[in-house]
Amino acid sequence: MKTVADLRIKIFGDGADKASMLELAKKPFIKGFTTNPTLMQKAGISDYQAFAKDILAAITALPVSFEVFADTFSEMERQARIIASWGSNVYVKIPITNTKHESAIPLVKKLTAEGIKINVTAMLTLEQVRDVAANFASGTPGIVSVFAGRIADTGRDPVPMMQEAKKILASQPNLELLWASPRELLNIFQADDIGCEIITVTPDILKKLDKVGYDLDILSLDTVKMFYDDGKKAGYTL
């Protein structure tokens, strides 16, 4: 099977904990970072701009995506321009719609025509991928974030959809397909097989990388020992 060294896909750290992000930035297999308002709120971030600039002062060579947090497109645009000004390695995350289900495509078209790098996020359908592909400026780097993990949460296999998304974007080398919200380590290898350029991975999944290629017979024994040790610690009797 493939090793981590065999992977062609770029692994982006996904989170908002500064210490974790800086530690991951030291690892050669980490090629960028993404975050969002939900992750930042969970991490206790109260000053959005101060946090972002603090991160960008330390992570200067890798792409970092920061998301707008408005619901009107005029305010999204204002925030996007501010975020984009923070550095050449910054991508602005724009959700594919607002909460009223109004399309953000006109805003994406406008900003990318001006050369602003956009990460279109919260995408779950091929129609959305087609809309982005048809309206994204050809000379501007961009990321198309399809939430494969959330697709899987509905009982659907995301692999065929991600394969089709890759085909849709094939003629646009400026656009990179990102497998978002992975649920398990296997997703990294699935995304790599499809040809996705990027996958976002949370620290809890990244911790499992040392299990890649692990002997299954030994893993079986490790599991038996865990059950035995936990039963012993609990002091169970019959």
C-alpha atoms as a PDB file:
ATOM      1  CA  MET A   1       0.000   0.000   0.000  1.00  0.00           C
ATOM      2  CA  LYS A   2       0.992   3.655  -0.312  1.00  0.00           C
ATOM      3  CA  THR A   3       3.050   5.330   2.354  1.00  0.00           C
ATOM      4  CA  VAL A   4       2.720   8.970   3.389  1.00  0.00           C
ATOM      5  CA  ALA A   5       5.787   9.692   1.240  1.00  0.00           C
ATOM      6  CA  ASP A   6       3.958   8.278  -1.802  1.00  0.00           C
ATOM      7  CA  LEU A   7       1.065  10.720  -1.535  1.00  0.00           C
ATOM      8  CA  ARG A   8       0.816  13.421  -4.206  1.00  0.00           C
ATOM      9  CA  ILE A   9      -2.028  15.254  -2.509  1.00  0.00           C
ATOM     10  CA  LYS A  10      -1.286  18.346  -0.414  1.00  0.00           C
ATOM     11  CA  ILE A  11      -2.348  17.972   3.200  1.00  0.00           C
ATOM     12  CA  PHE A  12      -3.651  21.180   4.781  1.00  0.00           C
ATOM     13  CA  GLY A  13      -4.036  21.459   8.538  1.00  0.00           C
ATOM     14  CA  ASP A  14      -7.587  22.406   9.540  1.00  0.00           C
ATOM     15  CA  GLY A  15      -8.071  24.216  12.838  1.00  0.00           C
ATOM     16  CA  ALA A  16      -7.663  27.408  14.831  1.00  0.00           C
ATOM     17  CA  ASP A  17      -5.319  26.496  17.660  1.00  0.00           C
ATOM     18  CA  LYS A  18      -2.147  28.541  17.239  1.00  0.00           C
ATOM     19  CA  ALA A  19       0.199  26.125  19.009  1.00  0.00           C
ATOM     20  CA  SER A  20      -1.087  23.184  16.963  1.00  0.00           C
ATOM     21  CA  MET A  21      -0.850  25.140  13.705  1.00  0.00           C
ATOM     22  CA  LEU A  22       2.736  26.220  14.359  1.00  0.00           C
ATOM     23  CA  GLU A  23       3.747  22.678  15.287  1.00  0.00           C
ATOM     24  CA  LEU A  24       2.145  21.308  12.114  1.00  0.00           C
ATOM     25  CA  ALA A  25       3.876  23.981  10.015  1.00  0.00           C
ATOM     26  CA  LYS A  26       7.203  22.349  10.910  1.00  0.00           C
ATOM     27  CA  LYS A  27       6.174  19.046   9.334  1.00  0.00           C
ATOM     28  CA  PRO A  28       7.194  18.578   5.683  1.00  0.00           C
ATOM     29  CA  PHE A  29       3.927  16.892   4.686  1.00  0.00           C
ATOM     30  CA  ILE A  30       1.838  19.912   5.719  1.00  0.00           C
ATOM     31  CA  LYS A  31       1.415  22.192   2.694  1.00  0.00           C
ATOM     32  CA  GLY A  32      -1.073  24.768   3.961  1.00  0.00           C
ATOM     33  CA  PHE A  33      -3.834  25.633   6.418  1.00  0.00           C
ATOM     34  CA  THR A  34      -7.545  26.374   6.515  1.00  0.00           C
ATOM     35  CA  THR A  35      -9.785  27.647   9.267  1.00  0.00           C
ATOM     36  CA  ASN A  36     -13.336  28.954   9.607  1.00  0.00           C
ATOM     37  CA  PRO A  37     -15.497  30.909  12.069  1.00  0.00           C
ATOM     38  CA  THR A  38     -16.788  27.713  13.718  1.00  0.00           C
ATOM     39  CA  LEU A  39     -13.286  26.411  14.443  1.00  0.00           C
ATOM     40  CA  MET A  40     -12.171  29.842  15.641  1.00  0.00           C
ATOM     41  CA  GLN A  41     -15.152  30.183  17.961  1.00  0.00           C
ATOM     42  CA  LYS A  42     -14.493  26.719  19.422  1.00  0.00           C
ATOM     43  CA  ALA A  43     -10.850  27.695  19.980  1.00  0.00           C
ATOM     44  CA  GLY A  44     -11.943  30.749  21.943  1.00  0.00           C
ATOM     45  CA  ILE A  45     -10.761  33.301  19.394  1.00  0.00           C
ATOM     46  CA  SER A  46     -12.366  36.667  20.157  1.00  0.00           C
ATOM     47  CA  ASP A  47     -10.355  38.997  17.909  1.00  0.00           C
ATOM     48  CA  TYR A  48     -10.525  37.626  14.360  1.00  0.00           C
ATOM     49  CA  GLN A  49      -8.028  40.007  12.771  1.00  0.00           C
ATOM     50  CA  ALA A  50      -5.492  39.805  15.602  1.00  0.00           C
ATOM     51  CA  PHE A  51      -5.541  36.002  15.446  1.00  0.00           C
ATOM     52  CA  ALA A  52      -5.160  35.950  11.663  1.00  0.00           C
ATOM     53  CA  LYS A  53      -2.280  38.399  11.615  1.00  0.00           C
ATOM     54  CA  ASP A  54      -0.564  36.539  14.447  1.00  0.00           C
ATOM     55  CA  ILE A  55      -0.757  33.303  12.445  1.00  0.00           C
ATOM     56  CA  LEU A  56       0.401  34.967   9.234  1.00  0.00           C
ATOM     57  CA  ALA A  57       3.391  36.512  11.001  1.00  0.00           C
ATOM     58  CA  ALA A  58       4.581  32.971  11.778  1.00  0.00           C
ATOM     59  CA  ILE A  59       3.347  31.093   8.685  1.00  0.00           C
ATOM     60  CA  THR A  60       4.589  33.086   5.731  1.00  0.00           C
ATOM     61  CA  ALA A  61       5.395  30.514   3.040  1.00  0.00           C
ATOM     62  CA  LEU A  62       2.307  28.283   3.125  1.00  0.00           C
ATOM     63  CA  PRO A  63      -1.201  29.166   1.885  1.00  0.00           C
ATOM     64  CA  VAL A  64      -3.714  29.968   4.624  1.00  0.00           C
ATOM     65  CA  SER A  65      -7.472  30.308   4.074  1.00  0.00           C
ATOM     66  CA  PHE A  66      -9.560  32.663   6.240  1.00  0.00           C
ATOM     67  CA  GLU A  67     -13.332  32.849   5.844  1.00  0.00           C
ATOM     68  CA  VAL A  68     -15.685  35.807   5.671  1.00  0.00           C
ATOM     69  CA  PHE A  69     -18.435  35.775   8.305  1.00  0.00           C
ATOM     70  CA  ALA A  70     -21.103  38.035   6.810  1.00  0.00           C
ATOM     71  CA  ASP A  71     -24.449  37.118   5.262  1.00  0.00           C
ATOM     72  CA  THR A  72     -24.894  39.985   2.790  1.00  0.00           C
ATOM     73  CA  PHE A  73     -22.731  39.973  -0.288  1.00  0.00           C
ATOM     74  CA  SER A  74     -21.775  43.624   0.089  1.00  0.00           C
ATOM     75  CA  GLU A  75     -20.375  42.903   3.538  1.00  0.00           C
ATOM     76  CA  MET A  76     -18.751  39.666   2.320  1.00  0.00           C
ATOM     77  CA  GLU A  77     -17.007  41.718  -0.351  1.00  0.00           C
ATOM     78  CA  ARG A  78     -15.797  44.296   2.162  1.00  0.00           C
ATOM     79  CA  GLN A  79     -14.452  41.577   4.473  1.00  0.00           C
ATOM     80  CA  ALA A  80     -12.898  39.681   1.565  1.00  0.00           C
ATOM     81  CA  ARG A  81     -10.869  42.703   0.505  1.00  0.00           C
ATOM     82  CA  ILE A  82      -9.589  43.202   4.039  1.00  0.00           C
ATOM     83  CA  ILE A  83      -8.652  39.538   4.431  1.00  0.00           C
ATOM     84  CA  ALA A  84      -6.937  39.439   1.029  1.00  0.00           C
ATOM     85  CA  SER A  85      -4.780  42.418   2.039  1.00  0.00           C
ATOM     86  CA  TRP A  86      -3.180  40.461   4.865  1.00  0.00           C
ATOM     87  CA  GLY A  87      -0.695  38.609   2.668  1.00  0.00           C
ATOM     88  CA  SER A  88       0.131  37.052  -0.679  1.00  0.00           C
ATOM     89  CA  ASN A  89      -0.302  33.571   0.827  1.00  0.00           C
ATOM     90  CA  VAL A  90      -3.892  34.301   1.901  1.00  0.00           C
ATOM     91  CA  TYR A  91      -6.966  32.761   0.278  1.00  0.00           C
ATOM     92  CA  VAL A  92     -10.364  34.235   1.131  1.00  0.00           C
ATOM     93  CA  LYS A  93     -13.014  31.626   1.888  1.00  0.00           C
ATOM     94  CA  ILE A  94     -16.396  32.532   0.423  1.00  0.00           C
ATOM     95  CA  PRO A  95     -19.350  30.195   1.107  1.00  0.00           C
ATOM     96  CA  ILE A  96     -21.140  29.051  -2.036  1.00  0.00           C
ATOM     97  CA  THR A  97     -24.384  30.692  -0.806  1.00  0.00           C
ATOM     98  CA  ASN A  98     -25.517  32.880   2.054  1.00  0.00           C
ATOM     99  CA  THR A  99     -28.031  31.684   4.662  1.00  0.00           C
ATOM    100  CA  LYS A 100     -30.902  32.712   2.372  1.00  0.00           C
ATOM    101  CA  HIS A 101     -29.609  30.233  -0.236  1.00  0.00           C
ATOM    102  CA  GLU A 102     -28.639  33.082  -2.564  1.00  0.00           C
ATOM    103  CA  SER A 103     -25.667  32.244  -4.759  1.00  0.00           C
ATOM    104  CA  ALA A 104     -22.266  33.798  -4.066  1.00  0.00           C
ATOM    105  CA  ILE A 105     -21.162  33.120  -7.642  1.00  0.00           C
ATOM    106  CA  PRO A 106     -21.481  36.782  -8.780  1.00  0.00           C
ATOM    107  CA  LEU A 107     -19.201  37.838  -5.907  1.00  0.00           C
ATOM    108  CA  VAL A 108     -16.715  35.071  -6.681  1.00  0.00           C
ATOM    109  CA  LYS A 109     -16.698  36.158 -10.322  1.00  0.00           C
ATOM    110  CA  LYS A 110     -16.120  39.799  -9.396  1.00  0.00           C
ATOM    111  CA  LEU A 111     -13.334  39.206  -6.877  1.00  0.00           C
ATOM    112  CA  THR A 112     -11.434  36.645  -8.949  1.00  0.00           C
ATOM    113  CA  ALA A 113     -11.572  38.949 -11.972  1.00  0.00           C
ATOM    114  CA  GLU A 114      -9.560  41.365  -9.818  1.00  0.00           C
ATOM    115  CA  GLY A 115      -7.000  38.675  -8.968  1.00  0.00           C
ATOM    116  CA  ILE A 116      -8.187  37.966  -5.410  1.00  0.00           C
ATOM    117  CA  LYS A 117      -7.528  34.329  -4.518  1.00  0.00           C
ATOM    118  CA  ILE A 118     -10.742  32.656  -3.402  1.00  0.00           C
ATOM    119  CA  ASN A 119     -11.449  29.362  -1.655  1.00  0.00           C
ATOM    120  CA  VAL A 120     -15.103  28.634  -2.451  1.00  0.00           C
ATOM    121  CA  THR A 121     -16.362  26.655   0.521  1.00  0.00           C
ATOM    122  CA  ALA A 122     -19.362  24.668   1.834  1.00  0.00           C
ATOM    123  CA  MET A 123     -19.928  23.016  -1.556  1.00  0.00           C
ATOM    124  CA  LEU A 124     -21.778  19.698  -1.739  1.00  0.00           C
ATOM    125  CA  THR A 125     -23.191  19.391  -5.271  1.00  0.00           C
ATOM    126  CA  LEU A 126     -21.772  19.030  -8.754  1.00  0.00           C
ATOM    127  CA  GLU A 127     -23.996  21.866  -9.947  1.00  0.00           C
ATOM    128  CA  GLN A 128     -22.150  24.138  -7.541  1.00  0.00           C
ATOM    129  CA  VAL A 129     -18.811  22.929  -8.887  1.00  0.00           C
ATOM    130  CA  ARG A 130     -19.947  23.643 -12.458  1.00  0.00           C
ATOM    131  CA  ASP A 131     -21.084  27.146 -11.496  1.00  0.00           C
ATOM    132  CA  VAL A 132     -17.736  27.939  -9.908  1.00  0.00           C
ATOM    133  CA  ALA A 133     -15.820  26.527 -12.864  1.00  0.00           C
ATOM    134  CA  ALA A 134     -17.878  28.609 -15.307  1.00  0.00           C
ATOM    135  CA  ASN A 135     -17.417  31.891 -13.442  1.00  0.00           C
ATOM    136  CA  PHE A 136     -13.993  31.785 -11.799  1.00  0.00           C
ATOM    137  CA  ALA A 137     -11.444  34.026 -13.537  1.00  0.00           C
ATOM    138  CA  SER A 138      -8.993  31.845 -15.456  1.00  0.00           C
ATOM    139  CA  GLY A 139      -5.877  33.731 -14.395  1.00  0.00           C
ATOM    140  CA  THR A 140      -6.545  33.679 -10.649  1.00  0.00           C
ATOM    141  CA  PRO A 141      -5.532  30.814  -8.338  1.00  0.00           C
ATOM    142  CA  GLY A 142      -8.498  29.271  -6.562  1.00  0.00           C
ATOM    143  CA  ILE A 143      -9.626  26.389  -4.385  1.00  0.00           C
ATOM    144  CA  VAL A 144     -12.888  24.474  -4.794  1.00  0.00           C
ATOM    145  CA  SER A 145     -13.777  22.968  -1.411  1.00  0.00           C
ATOM    146  CA  VAL A 146     -16.235  20.098  -1.714  1.00  0.00           C
ATOM    147  CA  PHE A 147     -17.316  18.711   1.661  1.00  0.00           C
ATOM    148  CA  ALA A 148     -16.940  15.017   0.918  1.00  0.00           C
ATOM    149  CA  GLY A 149     -17.255  14.101   4.583  1.00  0.00           C
ATOM    150  CA  ARG A 150     -20.635  15.784   4.873  1.00  0.00           C
ATOM    151  CA  ILE A 151     -21.731  14.032   1.685  1.00  0.00           C
ATOM    152  CA  ALA A 152     -20.780  10.729   3.330  1.00  0.00           C
ATOM    153  CA  ASP A 153     -22.758  11.728   6.426  1.00  0.00           C
ATOM    154  CA  THR A 154     -25.928  11.516   4.299  1.00  0.00           C
ATOM    155  CA  GLY A 155     -25.251   7.886   3.348  1.00  0.00           C
ATOM    156  CA  ARG A 156     -23.912   8.789  -0.098  1.00  0.00           C
ATOM    157  CA  ASP A 157     -20.526   7.616  -1.375  1.00  0.00           C
ATOM    158  CA  PRO A 158     -18.562  10.821  -2.038  1.00  0.00           C
ATOM    159  CA  VAL A 159     -15.938   9.174  -4.236  1.00  0.00           C
ATOM    160  CA  PRO A 160     -17.925   9.157  -7.532  1.00  0.00           C
ATOM    161  CA  MET A 161     -18.958  12.767  -6.957  1.00  0.00           C
ATOM    162  CA  MET A 162     -15.379  13.838  -6.248  1.00  0.00           C
ATOM    163  CA  GLN A 163     -14.215  12.001  -9.363  1.00  0.00           C
ATOM    164  CA  GLU A 164     -16.757  13.899 -11.436  1.00  0.00           C
ATOM    165  CA  ALA A 165     -15.781  17.190  -9.785  1.00  0.00           C
ATOM    166  CA  LYS A 166     -12.194  16.512 -10.791  1.00  0.00           C
ATOM    167  CA  LYS A 167     -13.310  16.037 -14.402  1.00  0.00           C
ATOM    168  CA  ILE A 168     -15.271  19.296 -14.340  1.00  0.00           C
ATOM    169  CA  LEU A 169     -12.191  21.202 -13.169  1.00  0.00           C
ATOM    170  CA  ALA A 170      -9.723  19.372 -15.410  1.00  0.00           C
ATOM    171  CA  SER A 171      -9.522  22.142 -18.019  1.00  0.00           C
ATOM    172  CA  GLN A 172      -8.820  24.832 -15.407  1.00  0.00           C
ATOM    173  CA  PRO A 173      -5.335  24.373 -13.937  1.00  0.00           C
ATOM    174  CA  ASN A 174      -5.769  27.464 -11.774  1.00  0.00           C
ATOM    175  CA  LEU A 175      -8.440  25.672  -9.727  1.00  0.00           C
ATOM    176  CA  GLU A 176      -7.526  23.038  -7.148  1.00  0.00           C
ATOM    177  CA  LEU A 177     -10.067  20.518  -5.884  1.00  0.00           C
ATOM    178  CA  LEU A 178     -10.104  20.216  -2.095  1.00  0.00           C
ATOM    179  CA  TRP A 179     -11.591  17.218  -0.265  1.00  0.00           C
ATOM    180  CA  ALA A 180     -13.083  18.871   2.831  1.00  0.00           C
ATOM    181  CA  SER A 181     -14.303  17.419   6.148  1.00  0.00           C
ATOM    182  CA  PRO A 182     -12.596  13.998   6.005  1.00  0.00           C
ATOM    183  CA  ARG A 183     -13.928  11.539   8.562  1.00  0.00           C
ATOM    184  CA  GLU A 184     -11.061   9.031   8.666  1.00  0.00           C
ATOM    185  CA  LEU A 185      -7.468   8.511   7.589  1.00  0.00           C
ATOM    186  CA  LEU A 186      -8.583   6.426   4.596  1.00  0.00           C
ATOM    187  CA  ASN A 187     -10.079   9.582   3.056  1.00  0.00           C
ATOM    188  CA  ILE A 188      -6.584  10.973   2.469  1.00  0.00           C
ATOM    189  CA  PHE A 189      -5.733   7.985   0.291  1.00  0.00           C
ATOM    190  CA  GLN A 190      -9.113   8.070  -1.477  1.00  0.00           C
ATOM    191  CA  ALA A 191      -8.653  11.759  -2.284  1.00  0.00           C
ATOM    192  CA  ASP A 192      -5.123  11.084  -3.528  1.00  0.00           C
ATOM    193  CA  ASP A 193      -6.317   8.261  -5.811  1.00  0.00           C
ATOM    194  CA  ILE A 194      -8.946  10.560  -7.329  1.00  0.00           C
ATOM    195  CA  GLY A 195      -6.366  13.235  -8.034  1.00  0.00           C
ATOM    196  CA  CYS A 196      -7.654  15.877  -5.611  1.00  0.00           C
ATOM    197  CA  GLU A 197      -4.957  18.489  -5.191  1.00  0.00           C
ATOM    198  CA  ILE A 198      -5.712  19.214  -1.516  1.00  0.00           C
ATOM    199  CA  ILE A 199      -7.311  17.636   1.531  1.00  0.00           C
ATOM    200  CA  THR A 200      -7.957  19.423   4.825  1.00  0.00           C
ATOM    201  CA  VAL A 201      -7.168  17.257   7.837  1.00  0.00           C
ATOM    202  CA  THR A 202      -7.859  17.897  11.512  1.00  0.00           C
ATOM    203  CA  PRO A 203      -5.213  17.154  14.167  1.00  0.00           C
ATOM    204  CA  ASP A 204      -7.125  14.126  15.507  1.00  0.00           C
ATOM    205  CA  ILE A 205      -6.883  12.412  12.102  1.00  0.00           C
ATOM    206  CA  LEU A 206      -3.294  13.538  11.530  1.00  0.00           C
ATOM    207  CA  LYS A 207      -2.322  11.726  14.744  1.00  0.00           C
ATOM    208  CA  LYS A 208      -3.224   8.464  13.015  1.00  0.00           C
ATOM    209  CA  LEU A 209      -0.613   8.888  10.279  1.00  0.00           C
ATOM    210  CA  ASP A 210       1.836   6.741  12.238  1.00  0.00           C
ATOM    211  CA  LYS A 211      -0.586   3.842  11.712  1.00  0.00           C
ATOM    212  CA  VAL A 212      -0.209   3.924   7.916  1.00  0.00           C
ATOM    213  CA  GLY A 213       0.960   0.477   6.829  1.00  0.00           C
ATOM    214  CA  TYR A 214       0.789  -0.868  10.397  1.00  0.00           C
ATOM    215  CA  ASP A 215       0.720  -4.676  10.589  1.00  0.00           C
ATOM    216  CA  LEU A 216      -2.933  -5.713  11.014  1.00  0.00           C
ATOM    217  CA  ASP A 217      -2.083  -8.815  13.044  1.00  0.00           C
ATOM    218  CA  ILE A 218      -0.156  -6.668  15.521  1.00  0.00           C
ATOM    219  CA  LEU A 219      -2.993  -4.130  15.536  1.00  0.00           C
ATOM    220  CA  SER A 220      -5.388  -6.960  16.400  1.00  0.00           C
ATOM    221  CA  LEU A 221      -3.197  -7.914  19.350  1.00  0.00           C
ATOM    222  CA  ASP A 222      -2.963  -4.257  20.429  1.00  0.00           C
ATOM    223  CA  THR A 223      -6.752  -4.127  20.433  1.00  0.00           C
ATOM    224  CA  VAL A 224      -7.082  -7.284  22.540  1.00  0.00           C
ATOM    225  CA  LYS A 225      -4.576  -5.859  25.045  1.00  0.00           C
ATOM    226  CA  MET A 226      -6.519  -2.600  25.232  1.00  0.00           C
ATOM    227  CA  PHE A 227      -9.785  -4.410  26.008  1.00  0.00           C
ATOM    228  CA  TYR A 228      -8.064  -6.560  28.625  1.00  0.00           C
ATOM    229  CA  ASP A 229      -6.264  -3.639  30.287  1.00  0.00           C
ATOM    230  CA  ASP A 230      -9.413  -1.500  30.419  1.00  0.00           C
ATOM    231  CA  GLY A 231     -11.431  -4.345  31.922  1.00  0.00           C
ATOM    232  CA  LYS A 232      -8.725  -4.875  34.515  1.00  0.00           C
ATOM    233  CA  LYS A 233      -8.560  -1.166  35.394  1.00  0.00           C
ATOM    234  CA  ALA A 234     -12.344  -1.103  35.831  1.00  0.00           C
ATOM    235  CA  GLY A 235     -12.158  -3.994  38.287  1.00  0.00           C
ATOM    236  CA  TYR A 236     -15.007  -5.897  36.662  1.00  0.00           C
ATOM    237  CA  THR A 237     -16.051  -9.192  38.235  1.00  0.00           C
ATOM    238  CA  LEU A 238     -18.729 -11.786  37.471  1.00  0.00           C
END
